[in-house]
Amino acid sequence: MTKNREQQPSRIPQLSSREEEARWFDTHDMADYQDEFKPVKARFAKNLSKGITIRLDQDTLEALRAYAHERGLGPTTVIRMWVLERLKEQRQASSEQHPQPRPPHQRSAPGAA
């Protein structure tokens, strides 16, 4: 970055919303503005997911692999999707069977219709 560039105002406009920023960045080539960017140090969180091992018989494993392959996915991705879907269904079913009691300020008065 040259001293001249540091003294000139930025060619990147100040925009008032994320949507405006997204539109502007989508329609401009950042290579044209590379001299205006400063390097930053970024730290990323480690993968917070944990692994689990399951045992499947050969036929089930082959069927899973074929199913995943047909969809362009890995077998572990398919399993993860299925588990998340099933847990969501279970949570919904559980909340319908056992609704949470309403707080006193949201309950209707005794004798009220």
N, C-alpha and C. Protein backbone atom coordinates (compact mmCIF):
# COMPACT_ATOMS: atom_id res chain seq x y z
N MET A 1 0.85 -1.17 0.00
CA MET A 1 0.00 0.00 0.00
C MET A 1 0.90 1.23 0.00
N THR A 2 0.66 2.16 -0.91
CA THR A 2 1.50 3.34 -1.01
C THR A 2 0.97 4.44 -0.10
N LYS A 3 1.85 5.39 0.15
CA LYS A 3 1.45 6.51 1.00
C LYS A 3 0.33 7.31 0.35
N ASN A 4 0.38 7.47 -0.98
CA ASN A 4 -0.69 8.17 -1.70
C ASN A 4 -2.04 7.50 -1.46
N ARG A 5 -2.06 6.19 -1.54
CA ARG A 5 -3.32 5.44 -1.39
C ARG A 5 -3.89 5.64 0.02
N GLU A 6 -3.01 5.71 1.03
CA GLU A 6 -3.47 5.88 2.41
C GLU A 6 -4.15 7.23 2.61
N GLN A 7 -3.74 8.25 1.87
CA GLN A 7 -4.29 9.58 2.06
C GLN A 7 -5.57 9.81 1.27
N GLN A 8 -5.84 8.98 0.28
CA GLN A 8 -7.04 9.14 -0.53
C GLN A 8 -8.23 8.48 0.16
N PRO A 9 -9.41 9.04 -0.03
CA PRO A 9 -10.59 8.40 0.55
C PRO A 9 -10.86 7.05 -0.13
N SER A 10 -11.52 6.21 0.59
CA SER A 10 -11.83 4.88 0.08
C SER A 10 -12.79 4.96 -1.10
N ARG A 11 -12.57 4.10 -2.07
CA ARG A 11 -13.49 4.01 -3.20
C ARG A 11 -14.65 3.07 -2.88
N ILE A 12 -14.57 2.39 -1.74
CA ILE A 12 -15.65 1.51 -1.31
C ILE A 12 -16.63 2.35 -0.51
N PRO A 13 -17.88 2.46 -0.95
CA PRO A 13 -18.83 3.36 -0.29
C PRO A 13 -19.27 2.84 1.08
N GLN A 14 -19.66 3.78 1.93
CA GLN A 14 -20.28 3.42 3.21
C GLN A 14 -21.76 3.17 2.91
N LEU A 15 -22.21 1.97 3.19
CA LEU A 15 -23.60 1.60 2.88
C LEU A 15 -24.38 1.43 4.17
N SER A 16 -25.69 1.62 4.08
CA SER A 16 -26.49 1.69 5.31
C SER A 16 -27.07 0.36 5.77
N SER A 17 -26.96 -0.68 4.96
CA SER A 17 -27.52 -1.96 5.40
C SER A 17 -26.70 -3.11 4.84
N ARG A 18 -26.85 -4.26 5.45
CA ARG A 18 -26.15 -5.46 4.97
C ARG A 18 -26.62 -5.82 3.56
N GLU A 19 -27.90 -5.58 3.28
CA GLU A 19 -28.44 -5.89 1.96
C GLU A 19 -27.77 -5.02 0.90
N GLU A 20 -27.62 -3.72 1.19
CA GLU A 20 -26.93 -2.83 0.24
C GLU A 20 -25.48 -3.26 0.06
N GLU A 21 -24.82 -3.61 1.16
CA GLU A 21 -23.44 -4.07 1.07
C GLU A 21 -23.34 -5.32 0.21
N ALA A 22 -24.25 -6.26 0.43
CA ALA A 22 -24.23 -7.51 -0.34
C ALA A 22 -24.41 -7.22 -1.82
N ARG A 23 -25.36 -6.34 -2.16
CA ARG A 23 -25.58 -6.00 -3.58
C ARG A 23 -24.33 -5.34 -4.17
N TRP A 24 -23.72 -4.43 -3.42
CA TRP A 24 -22.54 -3.73 -3.94
C TRP A 24 -21.40 -4.71 -4.17
N PHE A 25 -21.12 -5.56 -3.17
CA PHE A 25 -20.01 -6.50 -3.30
C PHE A 25 -20.30 -7.55 -4.37
N ASP A 26 -21.57 -7.88 -4.59
CA ASP A 26 -21.93 -8.85 -5.64
C ASP A 26 -21.70 -8.28 -7.04
N THR A 27 -21.71 -6.96 -7.17
CA THR A 27 -21.61 -6.35 -8.50
C THR A 27 -20.27 -5.68 -8.76
N HIS A 28 -19.31 -5.85 -7.87
CA HIS A 28 -17.99 -5.25 -8.06
C HIS A 28 -16.91 -6.30 -7.89
N ASP A 29 -15.85 -6.17 -8.66
CA ASP A 29 -14.73 -7.10 -8.59
C ASP A 29 -13.76 -6.62 -7.52
N MET A 30 -13.57 -7.43 -6.49
CA MET A 30 -12.72 -7.02 -5.37
C MET A 30 -11.26 -6.87 -5.78
N ALA A 31 -10.86 -7.47 -6.88
CA ALA A 31 -9.48 -7.30 -7.36
C ALA A 31 -9.21 -5.83 -7.67
N ASP A 32 -10.25 -5.09 -8.06
CA ASP A 32 -10.09 -3.67 -8.36
C ASP A 32 -9.87 -2.83 -7.11
N TYR A 33 -10.14 -3.39 -5.94
CA TYR A 33 -10.06 -2.65 -4.68
C TYR A 33 -9.05 -3.28 -3.72
N GLN A 34 -8.25 -4.19 -4.22
CA GLN A 34 -7.34 -4.95 -3.37
C GLN A 34 -6.40 -4.06 -2.57
N ASP A 35 -6.00 -2.94 -3.13
CA ASP A 35 -5.07 -2.05 -2.42
C ASP A 35 -5.72 -1.35 -1.23
N GLU A 36 -7.03 -1.45 -1.07
CA GLU A 36 -7.71 -0.81 0.05
C GLU A 36 -7.91 -1.75 1.24
N PHE A 37 -7.63 -3.01 1.06
CA PHE A 37 -7.84 -3.98 2.13
C PHE A 37 -6.60 -4.11 3.00
N LYS A 38 -6.83 -4.36 4.27
CA LYS A 38 -5.73 -4.59 5.20
C LYS A 38 -5.80 -6.04 5.66
N PRO A 39 -4.65 -6.66 5.85
CA PRO A 39 -4.68 -8.04 6.36
C PRO A 39 -5.21 -8.06 7.80
N VAL A 40 -5.95 -9.09 8.11
CA VAL A 40 -6.45 -9.27 9.47
C VAL A 40 -6.11 -10.68 9.94
N LYS A 41 -6.00 -10.83 11.24
CA LYS A 41 -5.80 -12.15 11.81
C LYS A 41 -7.16 -12.64 12.27
N ALA A 42 -7.49 -13.85 11.88
CA ALA A 42 -8.78 -14.43 12.26
C ALA A 42 -8.55 -15.76 12.96
N ARG A 43 -9.32 -15.99 14.00
CA ARG A 43 -9.26 -17.27 14.70
C ARG A 43 -10.61 -17.95 14.51
N PHE A 44 -10.56 -19.19 14.15
CA PHE A 44 -11.79 -19.94 13.90
C PHE A 44 -11.95 -21.01 14.97
N ALA A 45 -13.18 -21.21 15.36
CA ALA A 45 -13.46 -22.24 16.36
C ALA A 45 -13.16 -23.61 15.77
N LYS A 46 -12.68 -24.48 16.62
CA LYS A 46 -12.45 -25.85 16.19
C LYS A 46 -13.79 -26.50 15.91
N ASN A 47 -13.75 -27.56 15.13
CA ASN A 47 -14.96 -28.31 14.86
C ASN A 47 -15.53 -28.80 16.19
N LEU A 48 -16.73 -28.37 16.50
CA LEU A 48 -17.32 -28.69 17.79
C LEU A 48 -18.11 -29.99 17.78
N SER A 49 -18.20 -30.63 16.62
CA SER A 49 -18.95 -31.89 16.58
C SER A 49 -18.07 -33.03 17.07
N LYS A 50 -18.71 -34.05 17.56
CA LYS A 50 -18.02 -35.23 18.08
C LYS A 50 -18.37 -36.42 17.20
N GLY A 51 -17.51 -37.41 17.19
CA GLY A 51 -17.74 -38.61 16.40
C GLY A 51 -18.42 -39.70 17.22
N ILE A 52 -19.05 -40.62 16.52
CA ILE A 52 -19.67 -41.78 17.14
C ILE A 52 -19.47 -42.95 16.19
N THR A 53 -19.33 -44.13 16.74
CA THR A 53 -19.17 -45.33 15.92
C THR A 53 -20.42 -46.18 16.03
N ILE A 54 -20.92 -46.63 14.88
CA ILE A 54 -22.05 -47.56 14.89
C ILE A 54 -21.66 -48.78 14.06
N ARG A 55 -22.22 -49.90 14.41
CA ARG A 55 -21.94 -51.13 13.67
C ARG A 55 -23.17 -51.49 12.85
N LEU A 56 -22.95 -51.76 11.56
CA LEU A 56 -24.03 -52.16 10.67
C LEU A 56 -23.63 -53.45 9.97
N ASP A 57 -24.62 -54.29 9.69
CA ASP A 57 -24.30 -55.50 8.94
C ASP A 57 -23.95 -55.11 7.50
N GLN A 58 -23.30 -56.00 6.78
CA GLN A 58 -22.78 -55.72 5.45
C GLN A 58 -23.88 -55.26 4.48
N ASP A 59 -25.03 -55.94 4.48
CA ASP A 59 -26.11 -55.57 3.56
C ASP A 59 -26.62 -54.15 3.84
N THR A 60 -26.78 -53.83 5.12
CA THR A 60 -27.26 -52.49 5.48
C THR A 60 -26.25 -51.44 5.07
N LEU A 61 -24.98 -51.70 5.31
CA LEU A 61 -23.93 -50.75 4.95
C LEU A 61 -23.88 -50.54 3.44
N GLU A 62 -23.99 -51.61 2.67
CA GLU A 62 -23.99 -51.48 1.21
C GLU A 62 -25.20 -50.70 0.73
N ALA A 63 -26.36 -50.96 1.31
CA ALA A 63 -27.57 -50.22 0.94
C ALA A 63 -27.42 -48.74 1.28
N LEU A 64 -26.85 -48.45 2.44
CA LEU A 64 -26.62 -47.06 2.84
C LEU A 64 -25.68 -46.37 1.86
N ARG A 65 -24.59 -47.03 1.53
CA ARG A 65 -23.62 -46.44 0.59
C ARG A 65 -24.26 -46.18 -0.77
N ALA A 66 -25.06 -47.14 -1.25
CA ALA A 66 -25.73 -46.96 -2.55
C ALA A 66 -26.70 -45.79 -2.49
N TYR A 67 -27.48 -45.73 -1.43
CA TYR A 67 -28.45 -44.64 -1.24
C TYR A 67 -27.72 -43.29 -1.24
N ALA A 68 -26.65 -43.20 -0.47
CA ALA A 68 -25.88 -41.95 -0.38
C ALA A 68 -25.28 -41.60 -1.74
N HIS A 69 -24.71 -42.58 -2.43
CA HIS A 69 -24.07 -42.35 -3.72
C HIS A 69 -25.07 -41.80 -4.74
N GLU A 70 -26.28 -42.36 -4.75
CA GLU A 70 -27.33 -41.89 -5.68
C GLU A 70 -27.64 -40.41 -5.48
N ARG A 71 -27.43 -39.93 -4.27
CA ARG A 71 -27.74 -38.54 -3.95
C ARG A 71 -26.50 -37.65 -3.93
N GLY A 72 -25.36 -38.22 -4.25
CA GLY A 72 -24.13 -37.43 -4.27
C GLY A 72 -23.64 -37.05 -2.88
N LEU A 73 -23.96 -37.89 -1.90
CA LEU A 73 -23.58 -37.62 -0.51
C LEU A 73 -22.73 -38.75 0.02
N GLY A 74 -22.07 -38.49 1.11
CA GLY A 74 -21.36 -39.54 1.81
C GLY A 74 -22.31 -40.24 2.77
N PRO A 75 -22.02 -41.49 3.11
CA PRO A 75 -22.91 -42.21 4.02
C PRO A 75 -23.03 -41.56 5.39
N THR A 76 -21.95 -40.98 5.90
CA THR A 76 -22.06 -40.34 7.21
C THR A 76 -22.95 -39.10 7.16
N THR A 77 -22.93 -38.40 6.03
CA THR A 77 -23.81 -37.24 5.87
C THR A 77 -25.27 -37.68 5.88
N VAL A 78 -25.57 -38.78 5.19
CA VAL A 78 -26.94 -39.30 5.17
C VAL A 78 -27.37 -39.69 6.58
N ILE A 79 -26.52 -40.41 7.29
CA ILE A 79 -26.85 -40.81 8.65
C ILE A 79 -27.11 -39.59 9.53
N ARG A 80 -26.24 -38.59 9.42
CA ARG A 80 -26.40 -37.37 10.23
C ARG A 80 -27.73 -36.69 9.91
N MET A 81 -28.07 -36.60 8.62
CA MET A 81 -29.34 -35.98 8.23
C MET A 81 -30.52 -36.76 8.81
N TRP A 82 -30.47 -38.09 8.72
CA TRP A 82 -31.56 -38.91 9.24
C TRP A 82 -31.70 -38.75 10.75
N VAL A 83 -30.59 -38.75 11.45
CA VAL A 83 -30.64 -38.61 12.92
C VAL A 83 -31.24 -37.26 13.30
N LEU A 84 -30.79 -36.19 12.64
CA LEU A 84 -31.32 -34.86 12.95
C LEU A 84 -32.81 -34.76 12.64
N GLU A 85 -33.23 -35.33 11.50
CA GLU A 85 -34.65 -35.32 11.16
C GLU A 85 -35.47 -36.07 12.21
N ARG A 86 -35.00 -37.24 12.60
CA ARG A 86 -35.73 -38.06 13.57
C ARG A 86 -35.80 -37.37 14.94
N LEU A 87 -34.71 -36.76 15.37
CA LEU A 87 -34.73 -36.05 16.64
C LEU A 87 -35.71 -34.88 16.61
N LYS A 88 -35.76 -34.19 15.48
CA LYS A 88 -36.72 -33.08 15.34
C LYS A 88 -38.15 -33.60 15.44
N GLU A 89 -38.43 -34.72 14.75
CA GLU A 89 -39.76 -35.32 14.82
C GLU A 89 -40.10 -35.72 16.25
N GLN A 90 -39.15 -36.31 16.94
CA GLN A 90 -39.38 -36.75 18.32
C GLN A 90 -39.66 -35.56 19.23
N ARG A 91 -38.91 -34.49 19.07
CA ARG A 91 -39.13 -33.29 19.89
C ARG A 91 -40.52 -32.72 19.65
N GLN A 92 -40.91 -32.67 18.37
CA GLN A 92 -42.24 -32.13 18.05
C GLN A 92 -43.33 -33.01 18.63
N ALA A 93 -43.19 -34.33 18.49
CA ALA A 93 -44.19 -35.25 19.02
C ALA A 93 -44.26 -35.15 20.54
N SER A 94 -43.11 -35.03 21.16
CA SER A 94 -43.05 -34.94 22.62
C SER A 94 -43.71 -33.65 23.11
N SER A 95 -43.46 -32.55 22.42
CA SER A 95 -44.05 -31.27 22.86
C SER A 95 -45.55 -31.26 22.64
N GLU A 96 -46.05 -32.02 21.64
CA GLU A 96 -47.49 -32.10 21.42
C GLU A 96 -48.16 -32.97 22.48
N GLN A 97 -47.47 -34.03 22.92
CA GLN A 97 -48.02 -34.93 23.92
C GLN A 97 -47.92 -34.35 25.32
N HIS A 98 -46.89 -33.58 25.56
CA HIS A 98 -46.64 -33.01 26.89
C HIS A 98 -46.42 -31.51 26.77
N PRO A 99 -47.48 -30.76 26.51
CA PRO A 99 -47.29 -29.30 26.37
C PRO A 99 -46.79 -28.70 27.68
N GLN A 100 -45.97 -27.68 27.53
CA GLN A 100 -45.44 -26.98 28.69
C GLN A 100 -46.55 -26.18 29.35
N PRO A 101 -46.63 -26.18 30.68
CA PRO A 101 -47.66 -25.36 31.35
C PRO A 101 -47.41 -23.89 31.08
N ARG A 102 -48.51 -23.15 30.93
CA ARG A 102 -48.38 -21.72 30.68
C ARG A 102 -48.07 -21.01 31.98
N PRO A 103 -47.28 -19.95 31.93
CA PRO A 103 -47.01 -19.16 33.13
C PRO A 103 -48.31 -18.57 33.67
N PRO A 104 -48.38 -18.30 34.99
CA PRO A 104 -49.62 -17.79 35.60
C PRO A 104 -50.17 -16.55 34.90
N HIS A 105 -49.32 -15.65 34.44
CA HIS A 105 -49.82 -14.42 33.83
C HIS A 105 -50.47 -14.68 32.46
N GLN A 106 -50.29 -15.89 31.89
CA GLN A 106 -50.91 -16.21 30.60
C GLN A 106 -52.13 -17.12 30.75
N ARG A 107 -52.41 -17.57 31.96
CA ARG A 107 -53.56 -18.44 32.19
C ARG A 107 -54.83 -17.60 32.27
N SER A 108 -55.94 -18.22 31.85
CA SER A 108 -57.22 -17.50 31.96
C SER A 108 -57.70 -17.55 33.40
N ALA A 109 -58.46 -16.56 33.78
CA ALA A 109 -58.98 -16.47 35.15
C ALA A 109 -60.01 -17.58 35.37
N PRO A 110 -60.12 -18.10 36.61
CA PRO A 110 -61.12 -19.14 36.89
C PRO A 110 -62.51 -18.63 36.54
N GLY A 111 -63.29 -19.48 35.90
CA GLY A 111 -64.65 -19.12 35.54
C GLY A 111 -64.75 -18.33 34.24
N ALA A 112 -63.61 -17.93 33.67
CA ALA A 112 -63.65 -17.18 32.41
C ALA A 112 -63.82 -18.16 31.26
N ALA A 113 -64.54 -17.75 30.25
CA ALA A 113 -64.79 -18.64 29.12
C ALA A 113 -63.71 -18.56 28.09
